[in-house]
Amino acid sequence: MNPVDLLASAGDWLAAPLGYEFVQRALLVAVVASIVCALLSCWLIMIGWSLLGDAVSHAVLPGVVLSYVVGVPFAIGALVFGVGAVALIGTVRDTSRLKEDAAIGVVFTTLFAIGIVLISVTPSQIDLGHILFGNMLGITDADLWQVVVLGALTTVVLVLKRRDLTLFAFDPVHAHAVGISPRRLSALLLGSLALTVVVALQAVGVVLVVALVITPGATAYLLVDRMSRMLVVAPLVAVGCAVVGIYASYYLDTASAATIVVAQGVVFAVAYVVHLARRPRVVPSSGPTAEREPAELVAG
């Protein structure tokens, strides 16, 4: 096959899935959700809130089910329960002897179980598979606009506050000293987490959303040593995996959301191997650490 025919064949291969409107919608939703989740994942990884992302993604299930039952947009119920779960975890942690990981485990498993119970008593109205694992190929115009609007809002907030959030992640004491409220930034980050989960929920469902809010940031953390680079590498990795996942699911006839997550897992594995290969044998390497001056971290 000559180069011209090869290019034409490749073009047909790339264009074929885009001839279907449902694939176009799935691709757009996957890209938007991936960008938002990847940005947020950088701060979740650095602060050590990965488990909290897992908790919120599962805790929104009752809100989603109740929204479907009542007939309101599921984003409303998911957001209410997401914020409520974060508040409940903080309350249990601050008013008892339990540490944060225990409070997270109790709250998110209980709320997730409540969601399963609600689904079981309304089987004719709720599709368990779509809620748990997403329904990317069945996204409506309303769903699409919801994802785009919420995704754009969350992205703008995170980008505008990136310097303050970075300083908060590395040195909350210094942040407080320069007039930045760690409590407000914590609330902002948790609110963004709840919104991000709502955005990603439409794309990949409750069970798989945790991968989108952890894996891209973890991958970037292994590859780069500055926060500013993490905020670029993580979205690029996430978007690339979203595109590859959509195309792979089309040609392999697999579940789109799960294929995207698998693609992210493969890229993480490659990043891990690269990280091990270039790691000094004597002095352990690290990602973006708090050893630098806070001003450099914010600027960098």
Foldseek 3Di string as FASTA:
>chain_A
DDPVVVVVVVVCLLCVQVVDPLLVLLLLLQLLLLLLLLLLLQLCVLQVNLLLLLLLLLLLLQLQLVCQVVVHPSLVRSLVRSLVLVVQLVVPCVPDPDHSVVSSVVSSVVSNVVSVVSCVVPVVRDDVCCQAFADSSPDDPVLSVLLVVLSVVLVVVCVVCVLLSQLLSAPVPVSVVVPHHNVVSVSSSSSSSSSSSSSCCNNTHSNLSSLSNHLLSLLLFLVAAASVSSSVRSSVQSSVLLSVLSSCCVVVVHDSNVSSSVSSVVSSVVSVVVSVVPADPPDGDGHHHSPDDSVVRSVD
